[in-house]
Amino acid sequence: MTGRDVKNVMSTILIVDDSAVARQVLREMLAEVAGAEVVGEFASAAPAIESLRGNPPDIVLLDIQLVDGSGLEVLREVRANHQRTKVLMFTNHAEEVYRKRCLRAGAHGFYDKKSDLQALRQDLHRLAAPRRESGSGPTGRGA
């Protein structure tokens, strides 16, 4: 390998949402995001947490309501054991009380499924892009 060879580094993304339709929309959106690689999808908290423990991704797209529990359980696991992983909440439960609770618990961003898809897309483009400086984060709601 010469000094001019460049290896593309992908940002790994885990999708955790109880809705198969939402997971599909996110997958399709992420296919358009340069530098993003979906490494797993889960509808429930327990297998998502197990996956995090084995191979933490760079980003978790997380719903609050899951098949067997709350996305807050997954968020707590990430914050306790995988501080470099960014959690972006993407939910129908967009009430202010949930937004505050998630951001206080360590979510990097909070997005309403009904109205914030474009903001989520923009922030994912920014987060998955090669870093030029440390500490840059989403500019969308909640960051």
Protein backbone atom coordinates (compact mmCIF):
# COMPACT_ATOMS: atom_id res chain seq x y z
CA MET A 1 0.00 0.00 0.00
CA THR A 2 1.40 3.40 -0.92
CA GLY A 3 1.03 6.61 1.03
CA ARG A 4 -1.68 7.69 -1.42
CA ASP A 5 -3.89 4.65 -0.87
CA VAL A 6 -6.97 5.54 1.15
CA LYS A 7 -9.19 3.07 2.92
CA ASN A 8 -12.82 4.12 3.25
CA VAL A 9 -13.95 3.78 6.84
CA MET A 10 -17.65 3.08 7.19
CA SER A 11 -19.76 4.24 10.13
CA THR A 12 -21.53 1.18 11.48
CA ILE A 13 -25.21 1.61 12.30
CA LEU A 14 -27.58 -0.56 14.32
CA ILE A 15 -31.35 -0.09 13.82
CA VAL A 16 -33.61 -0.92 16.77
CA ASP A 17 -37.32 -0.36 16.07
CA ASP A 18 -40.42 -2.50 16.63
CA SER A 19 -41.85 -1.51 13.23
CA ALA A 20 -40.69 -3.49 10.20
CA VAL A 21 -41.85 -0.60 7.99
CA ALA A 22 -39.76 1.92 9.96
CA ARG A 23 -36.72 -0.38 9.77
CA GLN A 24 -37.17 -0.64 6.00
CA VAL A 25 -37.49 3.15 5.61
CA LEU A 26 -34.32 3.63 7.66
CA ARG A 27 -32.44 0.96 5.65
CA GLU A 28 -33.44 2.61 2.38
CA MET A 29 -32.45 6.04 3.67
CA LEU A 30 -29.09 4.76 4.93
CA ALA A 31 -28.36 3.19 1.54
CA GLU A 32 -28.15 6.79 0.28
CA VAL A 33 -25.82 7.96 3.07
CA ALA A 34 -22.17 7.84 2.04
CA GLY A 35 -20.10 6.12 4.70
CA ALA A 36 -23.01 4.37 6.43
CA GLU A 37 -23.19 0.60 6.87
CA VAL A 38 -26.16 -1.09 8.58
CA VAL A 39 -24.72 -3.90 10.70
CA GLY A 40 -27.91 -5.14 12.33
CA GLU A 41 -31.61 -4.68 12.96
CA PHE A 42 -33.71 -5.60 15.95
CA ALA A 43 -37.34 -5.20 17.01
CA SER A 44 -36.71 -5.82 20.70
CA ALA A 45 -34.34 -4.70 23.42
CA ALA A 46 -32.75 -7.97 24.58
CA PRO A 47 -31.13 -9.05 21.29
CA ALA A 48 -30.13 -5.45 20.54
CA ILE A 49 -28.33 -5.22 23.88
CA GLU A 50 -26.64 -8.58 23.26
CA SER A 51 -25.45 -7.35 19.87
CA LEU A 52 -24.12 -4.12 21.42
CA ARG A 53 -22.09 -6.10 23.92
CA GLY A 54 -20.49 -8.18 21.20
CA ASN A 55 -19.74 -5.48 18.66
CA PRO A 56 -20.82 -1.92 19.46
CA PRO A 57 -21.66 0.18 16.39
CA ASP A 58 -20.80 3.82 15.82
CA ILE A 59 -24.49 4.84 15.76
CA VAL A 60 -27.73 3.33 17.08
CA LEU A 61 -31.05 4.44 15.57
CA LEU A 62 -33.46 3.68 18.38
CA ASP A 63 -37.21 3.77 18.93
CA ILE A 64 -38.66 4.21 22.42
CA GLN A 65 -41.30 1.51 22.08
CA LEU A 66 -39.94 -1.97 21.34
CA VAL A 67 -41.51 -5.42 21.16
CA ASP A 68 -40.28 -6.59 24.57
CA GLY A 69 -39.57 -3.37 26.40
CA SER A 70 -38.31 0.15 26.07
CA GLY A 71 -35.61 1.70 23.96
CA LEU A 72 -34.54 3.44 27.16
CA GLU A 73 -33.10 0.09 28.29
CA VAL A 74 -30.94 0.01 25.17
CA LEU A 75 -29.99 3.66 25.65
CA ARG A 76 -28.90 2.95 29.24
CA GLU A 77 -26.75 0.02 28.06
CA VAL A 78 -25.05 2.20 25.46
CA ARG A 79 -24.36 5.05 27.86
CA ALA A 80 -23.06 2.70 30.57
CA ASN A 81 -20.77 0.58 28.41
CA HIS A 82 -20.25 2.10 24.95
CA GLN A 83 -19.67 5.82 25.40
CA ARG A 84 -18.37 6.32 21.85
CA THR A 85 -21.61 5.03 20.33
CA LYS A 86 -24.05 7.79 19.40
CA VAL A 87 -27.75 7.09 19.98
CA LEU A 88 -30.31 8.85 17.81
CA MET A 89 -33.89 8.37 19.02
CA PHE A 90 -36.42 8.06 16.16
CA THR A 91 -39.92 7.66 17.53
CA ASN A 92 -43.64 8.33 17.32
CA HIS A 93 -43.51 9.23 21.02
CA ALA A 94 -42.29 12.74 20.33
CA GLU A 95 -43.83 14.44 23.34
CA GLU A 96 -41.54 16.85 25.15
CA VAL A 97 -41.40 14.64 28.26
CA TYR A 98 -39.90 11.77 26.21
CA ARG A 99 -37.48 14.06 24.39
CA LYS A 100 -36.17 15.46 27.66
CA ARG A 101 -35.94 12.02 29.25
CA CYS A 102 -33.99 10.59 26.31
CA LEU A 103 -31.61 13.52 26.01
CA ARG A 104 -30.99 13.50 29.77
CA ALA A 105 -30.28 9.77 29.56
CA GLY A 106 -27.59 10.44 26.94
CA ALA A 107 -29.25 10.33 23.51
CA HIS A 108 -27.30 12.31 20.94
CA GLY A 109 -30.46 13.42 19.12
CA PHE A 110 -34.25 12.99 19.19
CA TYR A 111 -36.43 12.84 16.06
CA ASP A 112 -40.19 12.58 15.49
CA LYS A 113 -41.01 9.89 12.92
CA LYS A 114 -43.86 12.04 11.62
CA SER A 115 -41.90 15.22 10.94
CA ASP A 116 -38.14 14.87 11.43
CA LEU A 117 -37.03 12.37 8.78
CA GLN A 118 -35.21 15.07 6.80
CA ALA A 119 -33.39 16.33 9.92
CA LEU A 120 -32.39 12.75 10.77
CA ARG A 121 -31.13 12.22 7.21
CA GLN A 122 -29.03 15.40 7.36
CA ASP A 123 -27.52 14.46 10.71
CA LEU A 124 -26.73 10.93 9.54
CA HIS A 125 -24.92 12.35 6.50
CA ARG A 126 -22.87 14.49 8.87
CA LEU A 127 -22.19 11.72 11.39
CA ALA A 128 -21.27 9.09 8.79
CA ALA A 129 -18.99 11.43 6.83
CA PRO A 130 -15.25 11.31 7.50
CA ARG A 131 -14.41 13.43 10.54
CA ARG A 132 -12.56 16.67 9.95
CA GLU A 133 -12.68 17.71 13.56
CA SER A 134 -13.64 16.02 16.78
CA GLY A 135 -16.74 16.86 18.75
CA SER A 136 -19.01 17.63 15.79
CA GLY A 137 -22.54 16.39 16.29
CA PRO A 138 -26.01 16.58 14.85
CA THR A 139 -27.58 19.93 14.25
CA GLY A 140 -31.14 18.61 14.25
CA ARG A 141 -33.62 18.54 17.07
CA GLY A 142 -32.26 17.77 20.46
CA ALA A 143 -28.55 17.93 19.86
